[in-house]
């Protein structure tokens, strides 16, 4: 595979993870399209489908296909579309990637959850996914709080060095020292998985943020990241502190419950419905938000 892939996708910037919108427990494409058009109108060039914020574990295979193919058909010429294919069954991850390989610009692939694989197991999982989907750029996704295991920097570096299509990582370990280790070992593009850590991560060589908050304030998140890219960290910090309380409150309950509540309050979606086992926001937290 050509090394050109290392430069062609996952450019520095904001990647907004789009929540899956429901009405009466059915996928609502109208609200989904409203959210995506909002991103486009505010200058965001990258979105992620079927991520954690998208409640991907509770979507059927048919619903995933509906979302991915319909969004691709309507928005592929205006956005980079990244599709999440994470899971804890390597064969199923590959199969899902093969289904969507013609309907995305790249894949976001999580460390397997629940199984708690060893570092060697994580390495073999990603190696096989990279091999079977060799024509598609991949962003690794490390989120120990949800997966139960941390992917170590030496594994990230090895995967990057051995696979031309492993181009980026969404780092959500919350550890800047881990980011620094990864950066010192290889040239993989590192994106913050936490809006509140975007500035410190970019200050040590990160490339941007895979964002939840940008669903609500895309222009502001884009400006923060753009300031960091330009090494204007004073300006970025001023904007960051204006919205810091929002970043915290978006996780006052499990994501995307608070996000969907605020999206509806701001008339960006029709309903803030989530699927079990997630439930409606508690009354006290509605007041806070």
C-alpha atoms as a PDB file:
ATOM      1  CA  UNK A   1       0.000   0.000   0.000  1.00  0.00           C
ATOM      2  CA  UNK A   2       1.188   3.489  -0.838  1.00  0.00           C
ATOM      3  CA  UNK A   3       2.417   5.744   1.940  1.00  0.00           C
ATOM      4  CA  UNK A   4       0.287   8.564   0.447  1.00  0.00           C
ATOM      5  CA  UNK A   5      -2.548   7.380   2.687  1.00  0.00           C
ATOM      6  CA  UNK A   6      -0.680   8.764   5.665  1.00  0.00           C
ATOM      7  CA  UNK A   7      -1.344  12.263   4.338  1.00  0.00           C
ATOM      8  CA  UNK A   8      -4.691  11.960   2.573  1.00  0.00           C
ATOM      9  CA  UNK A   9      -7.163  11.472   5.453  1.00  0.00           C
ATOM     10  CA  UNK A  10      -7.447  12.479   9.117  1.00  0.00           C
ATOM     11  CA  UNK A  11      -6.127  15.974   8.626  1.00  0.00           C
ATOM     12  CA  UNK A  12      -5.890  18.149  11.766  1.00  0.00           C
ATOM     13  CA  UNK A  13      -9.202  19.571  12.932  1.00  0.00           C
ATOM     14  CA  UNK A  14     -12.551  18.782  14.534  1.00  0.00           C
ATOM     15  CA  UNK A  15     -14.326  15.441  14.074  1.00  0.00           C
ATOM     16  CA  UNK A  16     -17.892  15.630  15.381  1.00  0.00           C
ATOM     17  CA  UNK A  17     -19.422  12.356  16.564  1.00  0.00           C
ATOM     18  CA  UNK A  18     -23.048  12.536  15.449  1.00  0.00           C
ATOM     19  CA  UNK A  19     -25.629  11.076  17.872  1.00  0.00           C
ATOM     20  CA  UNK A  20     -28.264   8.732  16.480  1.00  0.00           C
ATOM     21  CA  UNK A  21     -31.616  10.476  16.762  1.00  0.00           C
ATOM     22  CA  UNK A  22     -34.798   8.578  17.643  1.00  0.00           C
ATOM     23  CA  UNK A  23     -38.542   9.208  17.668  1.00  0.00           C
ATOM     24  CA  UNK A  24     -40.710   6.548  19.283  1.00  0.00           C
ATOM     25  CA  UNK A  25     -37.628   4.313  19.383  1.00  0.00           C
ATOM     26  CA  UNK A  26     -37.166   4.515  15.598  1.00  0.00           C
ATOM     27  CA  UNK A  27     -34.194   6.161  13.868  1.00  0.00           C
ATOM     28  CA  UNK A  28     -35.099   9.716  12.830  1.00  0.00           C
ATOM     29  CA  UNK A  29     -33.181  10.638   9.681  1.00  0.00           C
ATOM     30  CA  UNK A  30     -34.675  14.149   9.554  1.00  0.00           C
ATOM     31  CA  UNK A  31     -33.076  15.165  12.861  1.00  0.00           C
ATOM     32  CA  UNK A  32     -29.860  13.355  11.909  1.00  0.00           C
ATOM     33  CA  UNK A  33     -29.671  15.369   8.685  1.00  0.00           C
ATOM     34  CA  UNK A  34     -30.367  18.594  10.623  1.00  0.00           C
ATOM     35  CA  UNK A  35     -27.341  17.899  12.834  1.00  0.00           C
ATOM     36  CA  UNK A  36     -25.090  17.196   9.868  1.00  0.00           C
ATOM     37  CA  UNK A  37     -26.209  20.298   7.977  1.00  0.00           C
ATOM     38  CA  UNK A  38     -25.509  22.336  11.110  1.00  0.00           C
ATOM     39  CA  UNK A  39     -21.924  21.041  11.076  1.00  0.00           C
ATOM     40  CA  UNK A  40     -21.495  21.903   7.407  1.00  0.00           C
ATOM     41  CA  UNK A  41     -22.915  25.408   7.866  1.00  0.00           C
ATOM     42  CA  UNK A  42     -20.455  26.046  10.723  1.00  0.00           C
ATOM     43  CA  UNK A  43     -17.417  24.921   8.730  1.00  0.00           C
ATOM     44  CA  UNK A  44     -16.782  21.504  10.283  1.00  0.00           C
ATOM     45  CA  UNK A  45     -15.423  19.161   7.616  1.00  0.00           C
ATOM     46  CA  UNK A  46     -15.400  15.808   9.414  1.00  0.00           C
ATOM     47  CA  UNK A  47     -18.077  13.710  11.102  1.00  0.00           C
ATOM     48  CA  UNK A  48     -18.104  10.305  12.784  1.00  0.00           C
ATOM     49  CA  UNK A  49     -21.064   7.916  12.578  1.00  0.00           C
ATOM     50  CA  UNK A  50     -21.696   4.876  14.796  1.00  0.00           C
ATOM     51  CA  UNK A  51     -19.459   6.054  17.615  1.00  0.00           C
ATOM     52  CA  UNK A  52     -20.054   5.933  21.367  1.00  0.00           C
ATOM     53  CA  UNK A  53     -22.116   9.132  21.175  1.00  0.00           C
ATOM     54  CA  UNK A  54     -24.182   7.439  18.440  1.00  0.00           C
ATOM     55  CA  UNK A  55     -25.338   4.670  20.825  1.00  0.00           C
ATOM     56  CA  UNK A  56     -23.930   2.160  18.343  1.00  0.00           C
ATOM     57  CA  UNK A  57     -24.255  -0.878  20.673  1.00  0.00           C
ATOM     58  CA  UNK A  58     -28.065  -0.620  20.585  1.00  0.00           C
ATOM     59  CA  UNK A  59     -28.419  -0.199  16.824  1.00  0.00           C
ATOM     60  CA  UNK A  60     -29.418  -3.165  14.697  1.00  0.00           C
ATOM     61  CA  UNK A  61     -27.365  -4.118  11.645  1.00  0.00           C
ATOM     62  CA  UNK A  62     -30.209  -2.818   9.465  1.00  0.00           C
ATOM     63  CA  UNK A  63     -30.238   0.527  11.274  1.00  0.00           C
ATOM     64  CA  UNK A  64     -26.485   0.896  10.975  1.00  0.00           C
ATOM     65  CA  UNK A  65     -26.705   0.223   7.253  1.00  0.00           C
ATOM     66  CA  UNK A  66     -29.563   2.722   6.862  1.00  0.00           C
ATOM     67  CA  UNK A  67     -27.619   5.462   8.657  1.00  0.00           C
ATOM     68  CA  UNK A  68     -24.285   4.911   6.927  1.00  0.00           C
ATOM     69  CA  UNK A  69     -25.545   4.466   3.374  1.00  0.00           C
ATOM     70  CA  UNK A  70     -28.082   7.292   3.557  1.00  0.00           C
ATOM     71  CA  UNK A  71     -25.624   9.779   5.048  1.00  0.00           C
ATOM     72  CA  UNK A  72     -22.989   8.794   2.482  1.00  0.00           C
ATOM     73  CA  UNK A  73     -25.410   9.245  -0.420  1.00  0.00           C
ATOM     74  CA  UNK A  74     -26.469  12.693   0.807  1.00  0.00           C
ATOM     75  CA  UNK A  75     -23.282  14.184   2.271  1.00  0.00           C
ATOM     76  CA  UNK A  76     -20.175  12.426   0.905  1.00  0.00           C
ATOM     77  CA  UNK A  77     -19.290  15.320  -1.413  1.00  0.00           C
ATOM     78  CA  UNK A  78     -19.416  17.873   1.414  1.00  0.00           C
ATOM     79  CA  UNK A  79     -17.805  16.066   4.371  1.00  0.00           C
ATOM     80  CA  UNK A  80     -15.267  13.461   5.353  1.00  0.00           C
ATOM     81  CA  UNK A  81     -17.366  10.652   6.810  1.00  0.00           C
ATOM     82  CA  UNK A  82     -15.747   8.298   9.321  1.00  0.00           C
ATOM     83  CA  UNK A  83     -17.650   5.185  10.400  1.00  0.00           C
ATOM     84  CA  UNK A  84     -17.181   3.408  13.717  1.00  0.00           C
ATOM     85  CA  UNK A  85     -16.812  -0.362  13.451  1.00  0.00           C
ATOM     86  CA  UNK A  86     -15.697  -1.123  16.982  1.00  0.00           C
ATOM     87  CA  UNK A  87     -16.605  -4.352  18.708  1.00  0.00           C
ATOM     88  CA  UNK A  88     -15.272  -7.246  20.748  1.00  0.00           C
ATOM     89  CA  UNK A  89     -15.486  -9.897  18.018  1.00  0.00           C
ATOM     90  CA  UNK A  90     -12.681  -9.362  15.516  1.00  0.00           C
ATOM     91  CA  UNK A  91     -14.412 -11.318  12.749  1.00  0.00           C
ATOM     92  CA  UNK A  92     -17.590  -9.246  13.135  1.00  0.00           C
ATOM     93  CA  UNK A  93     -15.599  -5.998  13.089  1.00  0.00           C
ATOM     94  CA  UNK A  94     -13.996  -7.029   9.803  1.00  0.00           C
ATOM     95  CA  UNK A  95     -17.370  -8.076   8.370  1.00  0.00           C
ATOM     96  CA  UNK A  96     -18.920  -4.722   9.289  1.00  0.00           C
ATOM     97  CA  UNK A  97     -15.991  -2.898   7.731  1.00  0.00           C
ATOM     98  CA  UNK A  98     -16.370  -4.883   4.527  1.00  0.00           C
ATOM     99  CA  UNK A  99     -20.050  -3.938   4.405  1.00  0.00           C
ATOM    100  CA  UNK A 100     -19.309  -0.204   4.736  1.00  0.00           C
ATOM    101  CA  UNK A 101     -15.989   0.047   2.891  1.00  0.00           C
ATOM    102  CA  UNK A 102     -17.645   1.852  -0.047  1.00  0.00           C
ATOM    103  CA  UNK A 103     -19.669   4.217   2.137  1.00  0.00           C
ATOM    104  CA  UNK A 104     -17.033   6.069   4.144  1.00  0.00           C
ATOM    105  CA  UNK A 105     -13.694   7.876   3.976  1.00  0.00           C
ATOM    106  CA  UNK A 106     -12.228   5.911   6.863  1.00  0.00           C
ATOM    107  CA  UNK A 107     -12.978   3.804   9.928  1.00  0.00           C
ATOM    108  CA  UNK A 108     -12.819   4.409  13.681  1.00  0.00           C
ATOM    109  CA  UNK A 109     -11.926   1.127  15.419  1.00  0.00           C
ATOM    110  CA  UNK A 110     -12.069   0.691  19.200  1.00  0.00           C
ATOM    111  CA  UNK A 111     -10.022  -1.522  21.447  1.00  0.00           C
ATOM    112  CA  UNK A 112     -12.231  -4.611  22.026  1.00  0.00           C
ATOM    113  CA  UNK A 113     -14.489  -4.121  25.047  1.00  0.00           C
ATOM    114  CA  UNK A 114     -15.530  -6.645  27.720  1.00  0.00           C
ATOM    115  CA  UNK A 115     -13.074  -9.388  26.603  1.00  0.00           C
ATOM    116  CA  UNK A 116     -10.133  -7.535  28.246  1.00  0.00           C
ATOM    117  CA  UNK A 117      -7.525  -8.848  25.781  1.00  0.00           C
ATOM    118  CA  UNK A 118      -3.807  -8.732  26.493  1.00  0.00           C
ATOM    119  CA  UNK A 119      -1.621  -6.239  24.640  1.00  0.00           C
ATOM    120  CA  UNK A 120      -0.774  -9.026  22.188  1.00  0.00           C
ATOM    121  CA  UNK A 121      -4.483  -9.654  21.671  1.00  0.00           C
ATOM    122  CA  UNK A 122      -5.077  -5.956  20.991  1.00  0.00           C
ATOM    123  CA  UNK A 123      -2.172  -5.944  18.536  1.00  0.00           C
ATOM    124  CA  UNK A 124      -3.484  -8.980  16.642  1.00  0.00           C
ATOM    125  CA  UNK A 125      -7.037  -7.579  16.593  1.00  0.00           C
ATOM    126  CA  UNK A 126      -5.997  -4.318  14.955  1.00  0.00           C
ATOM    127  CA  UNK A 127      -3.466  -6.023  12.687  1.00  0.00           C
ATOM    128  CA  UNK A 128      -6.137  -8.274  11.198  1.00  0.00           C
ATOM    129  CA  UNK A 129      -8.611  -5.408  10.791  1.00  0.00           C
ATOM    130  CA  UNK A 130      -5.918  -3.317   9.073  1.00  0.00           C
ATOM    131  CA  UNK A 131      -5.008  -6.210   6.773  1.00  0.00           C
ATOM    132  CA  UNK A 132      -8.574  -7.076   5.766  1.00  0.00           C
ATOM    133  CA  UNK A 133      -9.527  -3.415   5.218  1.00  0.00           C
ATOM    134  CA  UNK A 134      -6.184  -2.408   3.764  1.00  0.00           C
ATOM    135  CA  UNK A 135      -7.597   0.127   1.300  1.00  0.00           C
ATOM    136  CA  UNK A 136      -9.334   2.170   4.030  1.00  0.00           C
ATOM    137  CA  UNK A 137      -7.616   4.584   6.447  1.00  0.00           C
ATOM    138  CA  UNK A 138      -8.052   3.658  10.116  1.00  0.00           C
ATOM    139  CA  UNK A 139      -8.243   5.692  13.316  1.00  0.00           C
ATOM    140  CA  UNK A 140      -7.585   3.568  16.406  1.00  0.00           C
ATOM    141  CA  UNK A 141      -9.710   4.351  19.469  1.00  0.00           C
ATOM    142  CA  UNK A 142      -8.308   3.896  22.959  1.00  0.00           C
ATOM    143  CA  UNK A 143     -10.888   4.407  25.729  1.00  0.00           C
ATOM    144  CA  UNK A 144     -10.011   2.307  28.809  1.00  0.00           C
ATOM    145  CA  UNK A 145     -12.997   3.547  30.828  1.00  0.00           C
ATOM    146  CA  UNK A 146     -15.397   1.802  28.446  1.00  0.00           C
ATOM    147  CA  UNK A 147     -13.233  -1.069  27.209  1.00  0.00           C
ATOM    148  CA  UNK A 148     -11.667  -2.183  30.485  1.00  0.00           C
ATOM    149  CA  UNK A 149      -8.126  -2.242  29.099  1.00  0.00           C
ATOM    150  CA  UNK A 150      -5.593   0.370  27.955  1.00  0.00           C
ATOM    151  CA  UNK A 151      -3.701   0.079  24.670  1.00  0.00           C
ATOM    152  CA  UNK A 152      -0.057   0.767  25.491  1.00  0.00           C
ATOM    153  CA  UNK A 153       2.032   3.252  23.451  1.00  0.00           C
ATOM    154  CA  UNK A 154       4.402   0.562  22.127  1.00  0.00           C
ATOM    155  CA  UNK A 155       1.434  -1.281  20.591  1.00  0.00           C
ATOM    156  CA  UNK A 156       0.169   1.933  18.983  1.00  0.00           C
ATOM    157  CA  UNK A 157       3.626   2.586  17.550  1.00  0.00           C
ATOM    158  CA  UNK A 158       3.993  -0.968  16.256  1.00  0.00           C
ATOM    159  CA  UNK A 159       0.595  -0.891  14.560  1.00  0.00           C
ATOM    160  CA  UNK A 160       1.407   2.454  12.944  1.00  0.00           C
ATOM    161  CA  UNK A 161       4.804   1.307  11.699  1.00  0.00           C
ATOM    162  CA  UNK A 162       3.529  -1.986  10.284  1.00  0.00           C
ATOM    163  CA  UNK A 163       0.298  -0.830   8.613  1.00  0.00           C
ATOM    164  CA  UNK A 164       0.130   1.997   6.102  1.00  0.00           C
ATOM    165  CA  UNK A 165      -3.598   2.456   6.655  1.00  0.00           C
ATOM    166  CA  UNK A 166      -3.249   2.943  10.452  1.00  0.00           C
ATOM    167  CA  UNK A 167      -3.052   6.713  10.374  1.00  0.00           C
ATOM    168  CA  UNK A 168      -4.517   8.157  13.562  1.00  0.00           C
ATOM    169  CA  UNK A 169      -5.652   7.438  17.099  1.00  0.00           C
ATOM    170  CA  UNK A 170      -8.456   8.859  19.211  1.00  0.00           C
ATOM    171  CA  UNK A 171      -6.829   8.954  22.635  1.00  0.00           C
ATOM    172  CA  UNK A 172      -9.359   8.946  25.476  1.00  0.00           C
ATOM    173  CA  UNK A 173      -7.233   7.510  28.268  1.00  0.00           C
ATOM    174  CA  UNK A 174      -7.073  10.918  29.932  1.00  0.00           C
ATOM    175  CA  UNK A 175      -3.304  10.594  30.241  1.00  0.00           C
ATOM    176  CA  UNK A 176      -1.101  13.270  28.697  1.00  0.00           C
ATOM    177  CA  UNK A 177       1.986  11.254  29.587  1.00  0.00           C
ATOM    178  CA  UNK A 178       0.638   8.455  27.388  1.00  0.00           C
ATOM    179  CA  UNK A 179       0.096  10.921  24.535  1.00  0.00           C
ATOM    180  CA  UNK A 180       3.667  12.148  24.916  1.00  0.00           C
ATOM    181  CA  UNK A 181       4.988   8.569  24.845  1.00  0.00           C
ATOM    182  CA  UNK A 182       3.040   7.775  21.682  1.00  0.00           C
ATOM    183  CA  UNK A 183       4.243  10.984  20.037  1.00  0.00           C
ATOM    184  CA  UNK A 184       7.860  10.213  20.934  1.00  0.00           C
ATOM    185  CA  UNK A 185       7.631   6.740  19.393  1.00  0.00           C
ATOM    186  CA  UNK A 186       5.874   7.379  16.048  1.00  0.00           C
ATOM    187  CA  UNK A 187       4.232   9.979  13.821  1.00  0.00           C
ATOM    188  CA  UNK A 188       0.646   8.785  14.170  1.00  0.00           C
ATOM    189  CA  UNK A 189      -1.883  11.625  14.309  1.00  0.00           C
ATOM    190  CA  UNK A 190      -3.307  11.887  17.811  1.00  0.00           C
ATOM    191  CA  UNK A 191      -6.777  13.289  18.449  1.00  0.00           C
ATOM    192  CA  UNK A 192      -8.222  14.025  21.863  1.00  0.00           C
ATOM    193  CA  UNK A 193     -11.255  11.955  22.785  1.00  0.00           C
ATOM    194  CA  UNK A 194     -12.220  14.568  25.375  1.00  0.00           C
ATOM    195  CA  UNK A 195     -13.161  18.171  24.572  1.00  0.00           C
ATOM    196  CA  UNK A 196     -11.727  19.359  27.889  1.00  0.00           C
ATOM    197  CA  UNK A 197      -8.273  17.974  27.038  1.00  0.00           C
ATOM    198  CA  UNK A 198      -8.062  19.203  23.439  1.00  0.00           C
ATOM    199  CA  UNK A 199      -5.781  22.160  24.191  1.00  0.00           C
ATOM    200  CA  UNK A 200      -3.214  20.355  26.387  1.00  0.00           C
ATOM    201  CA  UNK A 201      -3.144  17.405  23.974  1.00  0.00           C
ATOM    202  CA  UNK A 202      -2.567  19.675  20.972  1.00  0.00           C
ATOM    203  CA  UNK A 203       0.129  21.562  22.871  1.00  0.00           C
ATOM    204  CA  UNK A 204       2.240  18.373  22.931  1.00  0.00           C
ATOM    205  CA  UNK A 205       1.739  17.587  19.256  1.00  0.00           C
ATOM    206  CA  UNK A 206      -1.869  16.423  18.909  1.00  0.00           C
ATOM    207  CA  UNK A 207      -3.886  17.036  15.760  1.00  0.00           C
ATOM    208  CA  UNK A 208      -7.348  17.969  17.042  1.00  0.00           C
ATOM    209  CA  UNK A 209     -10.385  16.559  18.800  1.00  0.00           C
ATOM    210  CA  UNK A 210     -13.050  13.951  18.194  1.00  0.00           C
ATOM    211  CA  UNK A 211     -15.759  16.012  19.800  1.00  0.00           C
ATOM    212  CA  UNK A 212     -19.094  15.672  21.566  1.00  0.00           C
ATOM    213  CA  UNK A 213     -19.542  19.380  22.356  1.00  0.00           C
ATOM    214  CA  UNK A 214     -19.181  20.375  18.703  1.00  0.00           C
ATOM    215  CA  UNK A 215     -22.684  19.022  18.126  1.00  0.00           C
ATOM    216  CA  UNK A 216     -23.860  22.079  20.096  1.00  0.00           C
ATOM    217  CA  UNK A 217     -21.130  24.651  19.458  1.00  0.00           C
ATOM    218  CA  UNK A 218     -19.307  23.543  16.290  1.00  0.00           C
ATOM    219  CA  UNK A 219     -17.981  26.982  15.375  1.00  0.00           C
ATOM    220  CA  UNK A 220     -16.551  27.540  18.851  1.00  0.00           C
ATOM    221  CA  UNK A 221     -14.845  24.133  19.002  1.00  0.00           C
ATOM    222  CA  UNK A 222     -13.486  24.679  15.500  1.00  0.00           C
ATOM    223  CA  UNK A 223     -12.087  28.068  16.559  1.00  0.00           C
ATOM    224  CA  UNK A 224     -10.401  26.544  19.619  1.00  0.00           C
ATOM    225  CA  UNK A 225      -8.739  23.861  17.490  1.00  0.00           C
ATOM    226  CA  UNK A 226      -7.794  26.341  14.758  1.00  0.00           C
ATOM    227  CA  UNK A 227      -6.128  28.608  17.336  1.00  0.00           C
ATOM    228  CA  UNK A 228      -4.105  25.626  18.575  1.00  0.00           C
ATOM    229  CA  UNK A 229      -3.069  24.694  15.039  1.00  0.00           C
ATOM    230  CA  UNK A 230      -1.820  28.283  14.634  1.00  0.00           C
ATOM    231  CA  UNK A 231       0.037  28.083  17.997  1.00  0.00           C
ATOM    232  CA  UNK A 232      -2.268  30.779  19.411  1.00  0.00           C
ATOM    233  CA  UNK A 233      -2.836  29.050  22.732  1.00  0.00           C
ATOM    234  CA  UNK A 234      -3.692  32.229  24.651  1.00  0.00           C
ATOM    235  CA  UNK A 235      -6.664  32.862  22.369  1.00  0.00           C
ATOM    236  CA  UNK A 236      -7.640  29.184  22.461  1.00  0.00           C
ATOM    237  CA  UNK A 237      -7.602  29.199  26.268  1.00  0.00           C
ATOM    238  CA  UNK A 238      -9.842  32.257  26.500  1.00  0.00           C
ATOM    239  CA  UNK A 239     -12.458  30.538  24.358  1.00  0.00           C
ATOM    240  CA  UNK A 240     -12.002  27.243  26.177  1.00  0.00           C
ATOM    241  CA  UNK A 241     -12.727  28.714  29.605  1.00  0.00           C
ATOM    242  CA  UNK A 242     -15.881  30.341  28.287  1.00  0.00           C
ATOM    243  CA  UNK A 243     -17.290  26.868  27.564  1.00  0.00           C
ATOM    244  CA  UNK A 244     -15.472  24.706  30.107  1.00  0.00           C
ATOM    245  CA  UNK A 245     -18.556  24.222  32.290  1.00  0.00           C
ATOM    246  CA  UNK A 246     -20.455  22.900  29.268  1.00  0.00           C
ATOM    247  CA  UNK A 247     -17.740  20.296  28.614  1.00  0.00           C
ATOM    248  CA  UNK A 248     -18.144  19.020  32.172  1.00  0.00           C
ATOM    249  CA  UNK A 249     -21.945  19.087  32.228  1.00  0.00           C
ATOM    250  CA  UNK A 250     -22.184  17.082  29.014  1.00  0.00           C
ATOM    251  CA  UNK A 251     -20.974  14.165  31.142  1.00  0.00           C
ATOM    252  CA  UNK A 252     -23.096  14.808  34.243  1.00  0.00           C
ATOM    253  CA  UNK A 253     -24.765  11.557  33.153  1.00  0.00           C
ATOM    254  CA  UNK A 254     -23.679   9.003  30.587  1.00  0.00           C
ATOM    255  CA  UNK A 255     -23.051  10.422  27.110  1.00  0.00           C
ATOM    256  CA  UNK A 256     -25.152  11.101  24.986  1.00  0.00           C
ATOM    257  CA  UNK A 257     -28.034  11.610  27.453  1.00  0.00           C
ATOM    258  CA  UNK A 258     -27.114  15.227  28.431  1.00  0.00           C
ATOM    259  CA  UNK A 259     -26.115  16.071  24.852  1.00  0.00           C
ATOM    260  CA  UNK A 260     -29.445  14.970  23.405  1.00  0.00           C
ATOM    261  CA  UNK A 261     -31.339  16.910  26.063  1.00  0.00           C
ATOM    262  CA  UNK A 262     -29.532  20.124  25.102  1.00  0.00           C
ATOM    263  CA  UNK A 263     -29.842  19.448  21.374  1.00  0.00           C
ATOM    264  CA  UNK A 264     -33.609  19.242  21.741  1.00  0.00           C
ATOM    265  CA  UNK A 265     -33.724  22.332  23.962  1.00  0.00           C
ATOM    266  CA  UNK A 266     -31.840  24.178  21.231  1.00  0.00           C
ATOM    267  CA  UNK A 267     -34.252  22.838  18.585  1.00  0.00           C
ATOM    268  CA  UNK A 268     -31.544  21.015  16.692  1.00  0.00           C
ATOM    269  CA  UNK A 269     -33.357  17.682  17.039  1.00  0.00           C
ATOM    270  CA  UNK A 270     -37.014  16.768  17.530  1.00  0.00           C
ATOM    271  CA  UNK A 271     -36.620  14.369  20.450  1.00  0.00           C
ATOM    272  CA  UNK A 272     -33.977  13.644  23.093  1.00  0.00           C
ATOM    273  CA  UNK A 273     -34.970   9.957  23.249  1.00  0.00           C
ATOM    274  CA  UNK A 274     -32.276   7.411  24.093  1.00  0.00           C
ATOM    275  CA  UNK A 275     -32.504   3.619  24.089  1.00  0.00           C
ATOM    276  CA  UNK A 276     -32.307   1.327  27.066  1.00  0.00           C
ATOM    277  CA  UNK A 277     -30.200   0.696  29.035  1.00  0.00           C
ATOM    278  CA  UNK A 278     -29.764   4.497  28.891  1.00  0.00           C
ATOM    279  CA  UNK A 279     -32.650   6.463  30.381  1.00  0.00           C
ATOM    280  CA  UNK A 280     -33.930  10.030  30.454  1.00  0.00           C
ATOM    281  CA  UNK A 281     -31.924  12.667  32.253  1.00  0.00           C
ATOM    282  CA  UNK A 282     -32.685  13.102  35.953  1.00  0.00           C
ATOM    283  CA  UNK A 283     -34.648  16.243  36.900  1.00  0.00           C
ATOM    284  CA  UNK A 284     -31.817  17.789  38.940  1.00  0.00           C
ATOM    285  CA  UNK A 285     -29.432  17.471  36.031  1.00  0.00           C
ATOM    286  CA  UNK A 286     -31.945  19.015  33.624  1.00  0.00           C
ATOM    287  CA  UNK A 287     -31.894  22.093  35.848  1.00  0.00           C
ATOM    288  CA  UNK A 288     -28.067  22.173  35.808  1.00  0.00           C
ATOM    289  CA  UNK A 289     -27.954  21.888  32.045  1.00  0.00           C
END
